[in-house]
């Protein structure tokens, strides 16, 4: 009698385990679960790509510094910066207003004119 009870309990436990395992697999293969898994993989791939790009940029800047040191270009350039440049004659200062442009061409633009 104990032998029958043992095998009955073992069979029932194996059935419950197998049913649970099959149900989990079915749920993992459902379209919603597949979509979530694909989205997670895409996000993970994006993070990896971003990390790769950051590593490449860091390597590029490090190599640029090494090349500038090797070529002797790492010394600061002396001279006025782009903000300190004097005004050039014939050029308008930023922020200054001028009269509207009136010297328009007298001929009309025609694309077929050259052909």
PDB file of N, CA and C in Angstrom:
ATOM      1  N   UNK A   1       0.805  -1.183   0.000  1.00  0.00           N
ATOM      2  CA  UNK A   1       0.000   0.000   0.000  1.00  0.00           C
ATOM      3  C   UNK A   1       0.862   1.266   0.000  1.00  0.00           C
ATOM      4  N   UNK A   2       1.984   1.229   0.712  1.00  0.00           N
ATOM      5  CA  UNK A   2       2.859   2.388   0.714  1.00  0.00           C
ATOM      6  C   UNK A   2       3.528   2.569  -0.641  1.00  0.00           C
ATOM      7  N   UNK A   3       3.784   1.443  -1.302  1.00  0.00           N
ATOM      8  CA  UNK A   3       4.405   1.522  -2.620  1.00  0.00           C
ATOM      9  C   UNK A   3       3.456   2.194  -3.605  1.00  0.00           C
ATOM     10  N   UNK A   4       2.193   1.862  -3.583  1.00  0.00           N
ATOM     11  CA  UNK A   4       1.205   2.483  -4.477  1.00  0.00           C
ATOM     12  C   UNK A   4       1.055   3.973  -4.166  1.00  0.00           C
ATOM     13  N   UNK A   5       1.023   4.325  -2.911  1.00  0.00           N
ATOM     14  CA  UNK A   5       0.913   5.742  -2.521  1.00  0.00           C
ATOM     15  C   UNK A   5       2.147   6.524  -2.980  1.00  0.00           C
ATOM     16  N   UNK A   6       3.335   5.907  -2.867  1.00  0.00           N
ATOM     17  CA  UNK A   6       4.573   6.555  -3.300  1.00  0.00           C
ATOM     18  C   UNK A   6       4.536   6.837  -4.799  1.00  0.00           C
ATOM     19  N   UNK A   7       4.164   5.831  -5.601  1.00  0.00           N
ATOM     20  CA  UNK A   7       4.141   6.010  -7.048  1.00  0.00           C
ATOM     21  C   UNK A   7       3.024   6.958  -7.480  1.00  0.00           C
ATOM     22  N   UNK A   8       1.917   6.919  -6.804  1.00  0.00           N
ATOM     23  CA  UNK A   8       0.842   7.862  -7.114  1.00  0.00           C
ATOM     24  C   UNK A   8       1.303   9.302  -6.862  1.00  0.00           C
ATOM     25  N   UNK A   9       1.942   9.539  -5.729  1.00  0.00           N
ATOM     26  CA  UNK A   9       2.438  10.883  -5.387  1.00  0.00           C
ATOM     27  C   UNK A   9       3.523  11.307  -6.368  1.00  0.00           C
ATOM     28  N   UNK A  10       4.424  10.395  -6.716  1.00  0.00           N
ATOM     29  CA  UNK A  10       5.489  10.711  -7.675  1.00  0.00           C
ATOM     30  C   UNK A  10       4.903  11.058  -9.040  1.00  0.00           C
ATOM     31  N   UNK A  11       3.930  10.316  -9.498  1.00  0.00           N
ATOM     32  CA  UNK A  11       3.275  10.592 -10.786  1.00  0.00           C
ATOM     33  C   UNK A  11       2.544  11.920 -10.771  1.00  0.00           C
ATOM     34  N   UNK A  12       1.830  12.194  -9.667  1.00  0.00           N
ATOM     35  CA  UNK A  12       1.119  13.465  -9.568  1.00  0.00           C
ATOM     36  C   UNK A  12       2.097  14.629  -9.567  1.00  0.00           C
ATOM     37  N   UNK A  13       3.219  14.525  -8.849  1.00  0.00           N
ATOM     38  CA  UNK A  13       4.234  15.588  -8.811  1.00  0.00           C
ATOM     39  C   UNK A  13       4.866  15.788 -10.184  1.00  0.00           C
ATOM     40  N   UNK A  14       5.156  14.680 -10.882  1.00  0.00           N
ATOM     41  CA  UNK A  14       5.727  14.782 -12.231  1.00  0.00           C
ATOM     42  C   UNK A  14       4.738  15.430 -13.188  1.00  0.00           C
ATOM     43  N   UNK A  15       3.472  15.132 -13.070  1.00  0.00           N
ATOM     44  CA  UNK A  15       2.447  15.737 -13.917  1.00  0.00           C
ATOM     45  C   UNK A  15       2.323  17.233 -13.663  1.00  0.00           C
ATOM     46  N   UNK A  16       2.323  17.618 -12.395  1.00  0.00           N
ATOM     47  CA  UNK A  16       2.243  19.047 -12.059  1.00  0.00           C
ATOM     48  C   UNK A  16       3.476  19.779 -12.584  1.00  0.00           C
ATOM     49  N   UNK A  17       4.662  19.172 -12.393  1.00  0.00           N
ATOM     50  CA  UNK A  17       5.904  19.797 -12.859  1.00  0.00           C
ATOM     51  C   UNK A  17       5.893  19.964 -14.382  1.00  0.00           C
ATOM     52  N   UNK A  18       5.493  18.922 -15.108  1.00  0.00           N
ATOM     53  CA  UNK A  18       5.471  18.969 -16.569  1.00  0.00           C
ATOM     54  C   UNK A  18       4.444  19.977 -17.064  1.00  0.00           C
ATOM     55  N   UNK A  19       3.274  20.009 -16.440  1.00  0.00           N
ATOM     56  CA  UNK A  19       2.240  20.964 -16.843  1.00  0.00           C
ATOM     57  C   UNK A  19       2.716  22.395 -16.630  1.00  0.00           C
ATOM     58  N   UNK A  20       3.349  22.651 -15.496  1.00  0.00           N
ATOM     59  CA  UNK A  20       3.868  23.988 -15.209  1.00  0.00           C
ATOM     60  C   UNK A  20       4.932  24.389 -16.223  1.00  0.00           C
ATOM     61  N   UNK A  21       5.821  23.455 -16.515  1.00  0.00           N
ATOM     62  CA  UNK A  21       6.901  23.724 -17.471  1.00  0.00           C
ATOM     63  C   UNK A  21       6.331  24.045 -18.864  1.00  0.00           C
ATOM     64  N   UNK A  22       5.354  23.270 -19.313  1.00  0.00           N
ATOM     65  CA  UNK A  22       4.739  23.489 -20.627  1.00  0.00           C
ATOM     66  C   UNK A  22       3.999  24.820 -20.659  1.00  0.00           C
ATOM     67  N   UNK A  23       3.268  25.156 -19.605  1.00  0.00           N
ATOM     68  CA  UNK A  23       2.530  26.425 -19.557  1.00  0.00           C
ATOM     69  C   UNK A  23       3.493  27.616 -19.609  1.00  0.00           C
ATOM     70  N   UNK A  24       4.611  27.529 -18.912  1.00  0.00           N
ATOM     71  CA  UNK A  24       5.601  28.616 -18.955  1.00  0.00           C
ATOM     72  C   UNK A  24       6.157  28.780 -20.361  1.00  0.00           C
ATOM     73  N   UNK A  25       6.438  27.680 -21.024  1.00  0.00           N
ATOM     74  CA  UNK A  25       6.984  27.740 -22.383  1.00  0.00           C
ATOM     75  C   UNK A  25       5.962  28.338 -23.348  1.00  0.00           C
ATOM     76  N   UNK A  26       4.700  27.957 -23.202  1.00  0.00           N
ATOM     77  CA  UNK A  26       3.641  28.502 -24.060  1.00  0.00           C
ATOM     78  C   UNK A  26       3.514  30.005 -23.852  1.00  0.00           C
ATOM     79  N   UNK A  27       3.555  30.440 -22.579  1.00  0.00           N
ATOM     80  CA  UNK A  27       3.470  31.878 -22.299  1.00  0.00           C
ATOM     81  C   UNK A  27       4.676  32.633 -22.849  1.00  0.00           C
ATOM     82  N   UNK A  28       5.845  32.020 -22.805  1.00  0.00           N
ATOM     83  CA  UNK A  28       7.041  32.716 -23.301  1.00  0.00           C
ATOM     84  C   UNK A  28       7.045  32.829 -24.820  1.00  0.00           C
ATOM     85  N   UNK A  29       6.280  31.960 -25.510  1.00  0.00           N
ATOM     86  CA  UNK A  29       6.211  32.014 -26.966  1.00  0.00           C
ATOM     87  C   UNK A  29       5.000  32.787 -27.485  1.00  0.00           C
ATOM     88  N   UNK A  30       4.238  33.392 -26.587  1.00  0.00           N
ATOM     89  CA  UNK A  30       3.084  34.187 -27.002  1.00  0.00           C
ATOM     90  C   UNK A  30       3.582  35.452 -27.715  1.00  0.00           C
ATOM     91  N   UNK A  31       2.796  36.010 -28.635  1.00  0.00           N
ATOM     92  CA  UNK A  31       3.234  37.199 -29.379  1.00  0.00           C
ATOM     93  C   UNK A  31       3.608  38.380 -28.480  1.00  0.00           C
ATOM     94  N   UNK A  32       2.847  38.597 -27.415  1.00  0.00           N
ATOM     95  CA  UNK A  32       3.170  39.708 -26.520  1.00  0.00           C
ATOM     96  C   UNK A  32       4.524  39.510 -25.863  1.00  0.00           C
ATOM     97  N   UNK A  33       4.780  38.300 -25.405  1.00  0.00           N
ATOM     98  CA  UNK A  33       6.061  38.014 -24.753  1.00  0.00           C
ATOM     99  C   UNK A  33       7.220  38.131 -25.738  1.00  0.00           C
ATOM    100  N   UNK A  34       6.998  37.676 -26.980  1.00  0.00           N
ATOM    101  CA  UNK A  34       8.042  37.802 -27.998  1.00  0.00           C
ATOM    102  C   UNK A  34       8.326  39.260 -28.314  1.00  0.00           C
ATOM    103  N   UNK A  35       7.276  40.092 -28.376  1.00  0.00           N
ATOM    104  CA  UNK A  35       7.463  41.515 -28.645  1.00  0.00           C
ATOM    105  C   UNK A  35       8.238  42.194 -27.520  1.00  0.00           C
ATOM    106  N   UNK A  36       7.905  41.855 -26.295  1.00  0.00           N
ATOM    107  CA  UNK A  36       8.622  42.439 -25.152  1.00  0.00           C
ATOM    108  C   UNK A  36      10.090  42.011 -25.169  1.00  0.00           C
ATOM    109  N   UNK A  37      10.329  40.742 -25.462  1.00  0.00           N
ATOM    110  CA  UNK A  37      11.707  40.245 -25.505  1.00  0.00           C
ATOM    111  C   UNK A  37      12.494  40.920 -26.628  1.00  0.00           C
ATOM    112  N   UNK A  38      11.859  41.107 -27.788  1.00  0.00           N
ATOM    113  CA  UNK A  38      12.536  41.771 -28.901  1.00  0.00           C
ATOM    114  C   UNK A  38      12.840  43.229 -28.565  1.00  0.00           C
ATOM    115  N   UNK A  39      11.896  43.907 -27.908  1.00  0.00           N
ATOM    116  CA  UNK A  39      12.132  45.297 -27.517  1.00  0.00           C
ATOM    117  C   UNK A  39      13.270  45.390 -26.508  1.00  0.00           C
ATOM    118  N   UNK A  40      13.314  44.467 -25.568  1.00  0.00           N
ATOM    119  CA  UNK A  40      14.406  44.456 -24.594  1.00  0.00           C
ATOM    120  C   UNK A  40      15.750  44.243 -25.274  1.00  0.00           C
ATOM    121  N   UNK A  41      15.791  43.346 -26.236  1.00  0.00           N
ATOM    122  CA  UNK A  41      17.040  43.087 -26.964  1.00  0.00           C
ATOM    123  C   UNK A  41      17.458  44.316 -27.772  1.00  0.00           C
ATOM    124  N   UNK A  42      16.484  45.017 -28.360  1.00  0.00           N
ATOM    125  CA  UNK A  42      16.801  46.218 -29.131  1.00  0.00           C
ATOM    126  C   UNK A  42      17.362  47.306 -28.224  1.00  0.00           C
ATOM    127  N   UNK A  43      16.765  47.485 -27.060  1.00  0.00           N
ATOM    128  CA  UNK A  43      17.263  48.493 -26.115  1.00  0.00           C
ATOM    129  C   UNK A  43      18.666  48.119 -25.649  1.00  0.00           C
ATOM    130  N   UNK A  44      18.869  46.846 -25.355  1.00  0.00           N
ATOM    131  CA  UNK A  44      20.192  46.378 -24.931  1.00  0.00           C
ATOM    132  C   UNK A  44      21.225  46.616 -26.031  1.00  0.00           C
ATOM    133  N   UNK A  45      20.847  46.342 -27.273  1.00  0.00           N
ATOM    134  CA  UNK A  45      21.747  46.595 -28.400  1.00  0.00           C
ATOM    135  C   UNK A  45      22.051  48.078 -28.554  1.00  0.00           C
ATOM    136  N   UNK A  46      21.049  48.918 -28.333  1.00  0.00           N
ATOM    137  CA  UNK A  46      21.271  50.358 -28.392  1.00  0.00           C
ATOM    138  C   UNK A  46      22.244  50.825 -27.330  1.00  0.00           C
ATOM    139  N   UNK A  47      22.122  50.272 -26.123  1.00  0.00           N
ATOM    140  CA  UNK A  47      23.058  50.629 -25.052  1.00  0.00           C
ATOM    141  C   UNK A  47      24.481  50.181 -25.390  1.00  0.00           C
ATOM    142  N   UNK A  48      24.593  48.999 -25.965  1.00  0.00           N
ATOM    143  CA  UNK A  48      25.914  48.518 -26.359  1.00  0.00           C
ATOM    144  C   UNK A  48      26.512  49.402 -27.443  1.00  0.00           C
ATOM    145  N   UNK A  49      25.690  49.810 -28.398  1.00  0.00           N
ATOM    146  CA  UNK A  49      26.165  50.673 -29.474  1.00  0.00           C
ATOM    147  C   UNK A  49      26.596  52.031 -28.936  1.00  0.00           C
ATOM    148  N   UNK A  50      25.843  52.557 -27.986  1.00  0.00           N
ATOM    149  CA  UNK A  50      26.197  53.842 -27.380  1.00  0.00           C
ATOM    150  C   UNK A  50      27.525  53.737 -26.631  1.00  0.00           C
ATOM    151  N   UNK A  51      27.698  52.653 -25.871  1.00  0.00           N
ATOM    152  CA  UNK A  51      28.955  52.445 -25.157  1.00  0.00           C
ATOM    153  C   UNK A  51      30.120  52.323 -26.141  1.00  0.00           C
ATOM    154  N   UNK A  52      29.895  51.632 -27.250  1.00  0.00           N
ATOM    155  CA  UNK A  52      30.934  51.498 -28.269  1.00  0.00           C
ATOM    156  C   UNK A  52      31.298  52.860 -28.844  1.00  0.00           C
ATOM    157  N   UNK A  53      30.283  53.673 -29.152  1.00  0.00           N
ATOM    158  CA  UNK A  53      30.542  55.003 -29.709  1.00  0.00           C
ATOM    159  C   UNK A  53      31.313  55.861 -28.714  1.00  0.00           C
ATOM    160  N   UNK A  54      30.968  55.788 -27.438  1.00  0.00           N
ATOM    161  CA  UNK A  54      31.700  56.552 -26.430  1.00  0.00           C
ATOM    162  C   UNK A  54      33.146  56.075 -26.316  1.00  0.00           C
ATOM    163  N   UNK A  55      33.357  54.774 -26.399  1.00  0.00           N
ATOM    164  CA  UNK A  55      34.725  54.246 -26.365  1.00  0.00           C
ATOM    165  C   UNK A  55      35.521  54.719 -27.580  1.00  0.00           C
ATOM    166  N   UNK A  56      34.887  54.722 -28.746  1.00  0.00           N
ATOM    167  CA  UNK A  56      35.563  55.173 -29.963  1.00  0.00           C
ATOM    168  C   UNK A  56      35.925  56.648 -29.838  1.00  0.00           C
ATOM    169  N   UNK A  57      35.002  57.477 -29.345  1.00  0.00           N
ATOM    170  CA  UNK A  57      35.289  58.906 -29.176  1.00  0.00           C
ATOM    171  C   UNK A  57      36.422  59.130 -28.191  1.00  0.00           C
ATOM    172  N   UNK A  58      36.425  58.378 -27.094  1.00  0.00           N
ATOM    173  CA  UNK A  58      37.501  58.526 -26.114  1.00  0.00           C
ATOM    174  C   UNK A  58      38.839  58.133 -26.738  1.00  0.00           C
ATOM    175  N   UNK A  59      38.846  57.047 -27.492  1.00  0.00           N
ATOM    176  CA  UNK A  59      40.069  56.624 -28.161  1.00  0.00           C
ATOM    177  C   UNK A  59      40.534  57.625 -29.197  1.00  0.00           C
ATOM    178  N   UNK A  60      39.581  58.208 -29.930  1.00  0.00           N
ATOM    179  CA  UNK A  60      39.939  59.213 -30.934  1.00  0.00           C
ATOM    180  C   UNK A  60      40.568  60.431 -30.283  1.00  0.00           C
ATOM    181  N   UNK A  61      39.968  60.919 -29.200  1.00  0.00           N
ATOM    182  CA  UNK A  61      40.510  62.108 -28.557  1.00  0.00           C
ATOM    183  C   UNK A  61      41.873  61.810 -27.934  1.00  0.00           C
ATOM    184  N   UNK A  62      42.044  60.617 -27.372  1.00  0.00           N
ATOM    185  CA  UNK A  62      43.336  60.248 -26.808  1.00  0.00           C
ATOM    186  C   UNK A  62      44.388  60.175 -27.908  1.00  0.00           C
ATOM    187  N   UNK A  63      44.040  59.574 -29.020  1.00  0.00           N
ATOM    188  CA  UNK A  63      44.992  59.469 -30.140  1.00  0.00           C
ATOM    189  C   UNK A  63      45.294  60.843 -30.724  1.00  0.00           C
ATOM    190  N   UNK A  64      44.301  61.722 -30.772  1.00  0.00           N
ATOM    191  CA  UNK A  64      44.521  63.075 -31.275  1.00  0.00           C
ATOM    192  C   UNK A  64      45.526  63.814 -30.390  1.00  0.00           C
ATOM    193  N   UNK A  65      45.376  63.668 -29.084  1.00  0.00           N
ATOM    194  CA  UNK A  65      46.326  64.297 -28.161  1.00  0.00           C
ATOM    195  C   UNK A  65      47.720  63.731 -28.378  1.00  0.00           C
ATOM    196  N   UNK A  66      47.826  62.400 -28.548  1.00  0.00           N
ATOM    197  CA  UNK A  66      49.129  61.784 -28.780  1.00  0.00           C
ATOM    198  C   UNK A  66      49.758  62.304 -30.068  1.00  0.00           C
ATOM    199  N   UNK A  67      48.957  62.421 -31.128  1.00  0.00           N
ATOM    200  CA  UNK A  67      49.489  62.915 -32.399  1.00  0.00           C
ATOM    201  C   UNK A  67      49.894  64.377 -32.308  1.00  0.00           C
ATOM    202  N   UNK A  68      49.107  65.187 -31.624  1.00  0.00           N
ATOM    203  CA  UNK A  68      49.467  66.597 -31.462  1.00  0.00           C
ATOM    204  C   UNK A  68      50.755  66.742 -30.667  1.00  0.00           C
ATOM    205  N   UNK A  69      50.928  65.914 -29.617  1.00  0.00           N
ATOM    206  CA  UNK A  69      52.165  65.948 -28.851  1.00  0.00           C
ATOM    207  C   UNK A  69      53.350  65.524 -29.713  1.00  0.00           C
ATOM    208  N   UNK A  70      53.156  64.492 -30.525  1.00  0.00           N
ATOM    209  CA  UNK A  70      54.237  64.000 -31.378  1.00  0.00           C
ATOM    210  C   UNK A  70      54.620  65.019 -32.442  1.00  0.00           C
ATOM    211  N   UNK A  71      53.655  65.788 -32.931  1.00  0.00           N
ATOM    212  CA  UNK A  71      53.923  66.777 -33.975  1.00  0.00           C
ATOM    213  C   UNK A  71      54.260  68.152 -33.403  1.00  0.00           C
ATOM    214  N   UNK A  72      54.161  68.294 -32.108  1.00  0.00           N
ATOM    215  CA  UNK A  72      54.459  69.577 -31.481  1.00  0.00           C
ATOM    216  C   UNK A  72      53.353  70.598 -31.660  1.00  0.00           C
ATOM    217  N   UNK A  73      52.149  70.147 -31.842  1.00  0.00           N
ATOM    218  CA  UNK A  73      51.020  71.058 -32.057  1.00  0.00           C
ATOM    219  C   UNK A  73      50.214  71.291 -30.794  1.00  0.00           C
ATOM    220  N   UNK A  74      50.689  70.793 -29.673  1.00  0.00           N
ATOM    221  CA  UNK A  74      49.885  70.912 -28.463  1.00  0.00           C
ATOM    222  C   UNK A  74      50.018  72.259 -27.790  1.00  0.00           C
ATOM    223  N   UNK A  75      50.963  73.117 -28.232  1.00  0.00           N
ATOM    224  CA  UNK A  75      51.106  74.455 -27.654  1.00  0.00           C
ATOM    225  C   UNK A  75      49.913  75.304 -28.066  1.00  0.00           C
ATOM    226  N   UNK A  76      49.445  76.181 -27.177  1.00  0.00           N
ATOM    227  CA  UNK A  76      48.287  77.013 -27.536  1.00  0.00           C
ATOM    228  C   UNK A  76      48.647  78.009 -28.636  1.00  0.00           C
ATOM    229  N   UNK A  77      47.725  78.253 -29.514  1.00  0.00           N
ATOM    230  CA  UNK A  77      47.911  79.182 -30.621  1.00  0.00           C
ATOM    231  C   UNK A  77      47.734  80.589 -30.087  1.00  0.00           C
ATOM    232  N   UNK A  78      48.751  81.455 -30.344  1.00  0.00           N
ATOM    233  CA  UNK A  78      48.660  82.827 -29.874  1.00  0.00           C
ATOM    234  C   UNK A  78      48.056  83.686 -30.963  1.00  0.00           C
ATOM    235  N   UNK A  79      47.314  84.675 -30.549  1.00  0.00           N
ATOM    236  CA  UNK A  79      46.661  85.568 -31.493  1.00  0.00           C
ATOM    237  C   UNK A  79      45.229  85.788 -31.057  1.00  0.00           C
ATOM    238  N   UNK A  80      44.551  86.690 -31.740  1.00  0.00           N
ATOM    239  CA  UNK A  80      43.169  86.982 -31.333  1.00  0.00           C
ATOM    240  C   UNK A  80      42.258  85.801 -31.639  1.00  0.00           C
ATOM    241  N   UNK A  81      41.298  85.620 -30.785  1.00  0.00           N
ATOM    242  CA  UNK A  81      40.324  84.565 -31.038  1.00  0.00           C
ATOM    243  C   UNK A  81      39.295  85.084 -32.030  1.00  0.00           C
ATOM    244  N   UNK A  82      38.395  84.230 -32.450  1.00  0.00           N
ATOM    245  CA  UNK A  82      37.404  84.638 -33.446  1.00  0.00           C
ATOM    246  C   UNK A  82      36.483  85.734 -32.913  1.00  0.00           C
ATOM    247  N   UNK A  83      36.352  85.868 -31.615  1.00  0.00           N
ATOM    248  CA  UNK A  83      35.490  86.902 -31.057  1.00  0.00           C
ATOM    249  C   UNK A  83      36.205  88.235 -30.953  1.00  0.00           C
ATOM    250  N   UNK A  84      37.540  88.202 -30.991  1.00  0.00           N
ATOM    251  CA  UNK A  84      38.312  89.422 -30.836  1.00  0.00           C
ATOM    252  C   UNK A  84      38.763  89.996 -32.169  1.00  0.00           C
ATOM    253  N   UNK A  85      38.352  89.421 -33.282  1.00  0.00           N
ATOM    254  CA  UNK A  85      38.774  89.907 -34.588  1.00  0.00           C
ATOM    255  C   UNK A  85      38.224  91.300 -34.835  1.00  0.00           C
ATOM    256  N   UNK A  86      39.048  92.165 -35.422  1.00  0.00           N
ATOM    257  CA  UNK A  86      38.550  93.511 -35.731  1.00  0.00           C
ATOM    258  C   UNK A  86      37.541  93.442 -36.868  1.00  0.00           C
ATOM    259  N   UNK A  87      36.718  94.461 -36.938  1.00  0.00           N
ATOM    260  CA  UNK A  87      35.705  94.507 -37.988  1.00  0.00           C
ATOM    261  C   UNK A  87      36.385  94.708 -39.326  1.00  0.00           C
ATOM    262  N   UNK A  88      35.926  94.005 -40.323  1.00  0.00           N
ATOM    263  CA  UNK A  88      36.491  94.137 -41.653  1.00  0.00           C
ATOM    264  C   UNK A  88      35.709  95.183 -42.422  1.00  0.00           C
ATOM    265  N   UNK A  89      36.405  95.973 -43.229  1.00  0.00           N
ATOM    266  CA  UNK A  89      35.677  96.983 -43.997  1.00  0.00           C
ATOM    267  C   UNK A  89      34.722  96.324 -44.985  1.00  0.00           C
ATOM    268  N   UNK A  90      33.577  96.881 -45.128  1.00  0.00           N
ATOM    269  CA  UNK A  90      32.584  96.350 -46.047  1.00  0.00           C
ATOM    270  C   UNK A  90      31.710  95.290 -45.413  1.00  0.00           C
ATOM    271  N   UNK A  91      32.037  94.850 -44.222  1.00  0.00           N
ATOM    272  CA  UNK A  91      31.217  93.862 -43.520  1.00  0.00           C
ATOM    273  C   UNK A  91      30.445  94.552 -42.423  1.00  0.00           C
ATOM    274  N   UNK A  92      29.290  94.075 -42.217  1.00  0.00           N
ATOM    275  CA  UNK A  92      28.383  94.654 -41.243  1.00  0.00           C
ATOM    276  C   UNK A  92      28.615  94.010 -39.883  1.00  0.00           C
ATOM    277  N   UNK A  93      28.599  94.778 -38.812  1.00  0.00           N
ATOM    278  CA  UNK A  93      28.739  94.255 -37.464  1.00  0.00           C
ATOM    279  C   UNK A  93      27.476  93.508 -37.088  1.00  0.00           C
ATOM    280  N   UNK A  94      27.614  92.463 -36.283  1.00  0.00           N
ATOM    281  CA  UNK A  94      26.446  91.732 -35.825  1.00  0.00           C
ATOM    282  C   UNK A  94      25.587  92.625 -34.952  1.00  0.00           C
ATOM    283  N   UNK A  95      24.332  92.579 -35.141  1.00  0.00           N
ATOM    284  CA  UNK A  95      23.409  93.368 -34.337  1.00  0.00           C
ATOM    285  C   UNK A  95      23.141  94.733 -34.922  1.00  0.00           C
ATOM    286  N   UNK A  96      23.989  95.201 -35.837  1.00  0.00           N
ATOM    287  CA  UNK A  96      23.760  96.522 -36.441  1.00  0.00           C
ATOM    288  C   UNK A  96      22.739  96.367 -37.562  1.00  0.00           C
ATOM    289  N   UNK A  97      21.860  97.318 -37.659  1.00  0.00           N
ATOM    290  CA  UNK A  97      20.837  97.275 -38.706  1.00  0.00           C
ATOM    291  C   UNK A  97      21.258  98.162 -39.871  1.00  0.00           C
ATOM    292  N   UNK A  98      20.871  97.753 -41.033  1.00  0.00           N
ATOM    293  CA  UNK A  98      21.170  98.547 -42.221  1.00  0.00           C
ATOM    294  C   UNK A  98      19.900  98.670 -43.043  1.00  0.00           C
ATOM    295  N   UNK A  99      19.999  99.491 -44.050  1.00  0.00           N
ATOM    296  CA  UNK A  99      18.851  99.684 -44.931  1.00  0.00           C
ATOM    297  C   UNK A  99      18.632  98.412 -45.730  1.00  0.00           C
ATOM    298  N   UNK A 100      17.411  98.136 -46.134  1.00  0.00           N
ATOM    299  CA  UNK A 100      17.157  96.932 -46.926  1.00  0.00           C
ATOM    300  C   UNK A 100      17.909  96.988 -48.246  1.00  0.00           C
ATOM    301  N   UNK A 101      18.281  95.840 -48.738  1.00  0.00           N
ATOM    302  CA  UNK A 101      19.044  95.723 -49.974  1.00  0.00           C
ATOM    303  C   UNK A 101      18.148  96.087 -51.153  1.00  0.00           C
ATOM    304  N   UNK A 102      18.673  96.950 -52.005  1.00  0.00           N
ATOM    305  CA  UNK A 102      17.876  97.394 -53.151  1.00  0.00           C
ATOM    306  C   UNK A 102      18.556  97.118 -54.475  1.00  0.00           C
ATOM    307  N   UNK A 103      19.752  96.580 -54.495  1.00  0.00           N
ATOM    308  CA  UNK A 103      20.447  96.346 -55.756  1.00  0.00           C
ATOM    309  C   UNK A 103      20.160  94.951 -56.282  1.00  0.00           C
ATOM    310  N   UNK A 104      18.913  94.690 -56.622  1.00  0.00           N
ATOM    311  CA  UNK A 104      18.508  93.417 -57.175  1.00  0.00           C
ATOM    312  C   UNK A 104      18.916  93.351 -58.633  1.00  0.00           C
ATOM    313  N   UNK A 105      19.134  92.157 -59.174  1.00  0.00           N
ATOM    314  CA  UNK A 105      19.457  92.066 -60.602  1.00  0.00           C
ATOM    315  C   UNK A 105      18.262  92.517 -61.442  1.00  0.00           C
ATOM    316  N   UNK A 106      18.592  93.088 -62.574  1.00  0.00           N
ATOM    317  CA  UNK A 106      17.524  93.616 -63.430  1.00  0.00           C
ATOM    318  C   UNK A 106      16.923  92.551 -64.330  1.00  0.00           C
ATOM    319  N   UNK A 107      17.606  91.448 -64.534  1.00  0.00           N
ATOM    320  CA  UNK A 107      17.071  90.398 -65.392  1.00  0.00           C
ATOM    321  C   UNK A 107      16.371  89.347 -64.535  1.00  0.00           C
ATOM    322  N   UNK A 108      15.298  88.752 -65.037  1.00  0.00           N
ATOM    323  CA  UNK A 108      14.602  87.706 -64.281  1.00  0.00           C
ATOM    324  C   UNK A 108      15.392  86.395 -64.336  1.00  0.00           C
ATOM    325  N   UNK A 109      15.214  85.589 -63.345  1.00  0.00           N
ATOM    326  CA  UNK A 109      15.892  84.294 -63.304  1.00  0.00           C
ATOM    327  C   UNK A 109      15.138  83.318 -64.191  1.00  0.00           C
ATOM    328  N   UNK A 110      15.846  82.699 -65.113  1.00  0.00           N
ATOM    329  CA  UNK A 110      15.239  81.737 -66.022  1.00  0.00           C
ATOM    330  C   UNK A 110      16.151  80.529 -66.094  1.00  0.00           C
ATOM    331  N   UNK A 111      15.663  79.384 -65.672  1.00  0.00           N
ATOM    332  CA  UNK A 111      16.484  78.174 -65.649  1.00  0.00           C
ATOM    333  C   UNK A 111      16.838  77.700 -67.055  1.00  0.00           C
ATOM    334  N   UNK A 112      16.004  77.954 -68.004  1.00  0.00           N
ATOM    335  CA  UNK A 112      16.245  77.486 -69.384  1.00  0.00           C
ATOM    336  C   UNK A 112      17.088  78.471 -70.172  1.00  0.00           C
ATOM    337  N   UNK A 113      17.542  79.512 -69.539  1.00  0.00           N
ATOM    338  CA  UNK A 113      18.287  80.557 -70.221  1.00  0.00           C
ATOM    339  C   UNK A 113      19.609  80.034 -70.769  1.00  0.00           C
ATOM    340  N   UNK A 114      20.254  79.111 -70.086  1.00  0.00           N
ATOM    341  CA  UNK A 114      21.563  78.617 -70.514  1.00  0.00           C
ATOM    342  C   UNK A 114      21.471  77.538 -71.579  1.00  0.00           C
ATOM    343  N   UNK A 115      20.319  77.025 -71.867  1.00  0.00           N
ATOM    344  CA  UNK A 115      20.203  75.882 -72.776  1.00  0.00           C
ATOM    345  C   UNK A 115      19.806  76.284 -74.146  1.00  0.00           C
TER     346      UNK A 115
END
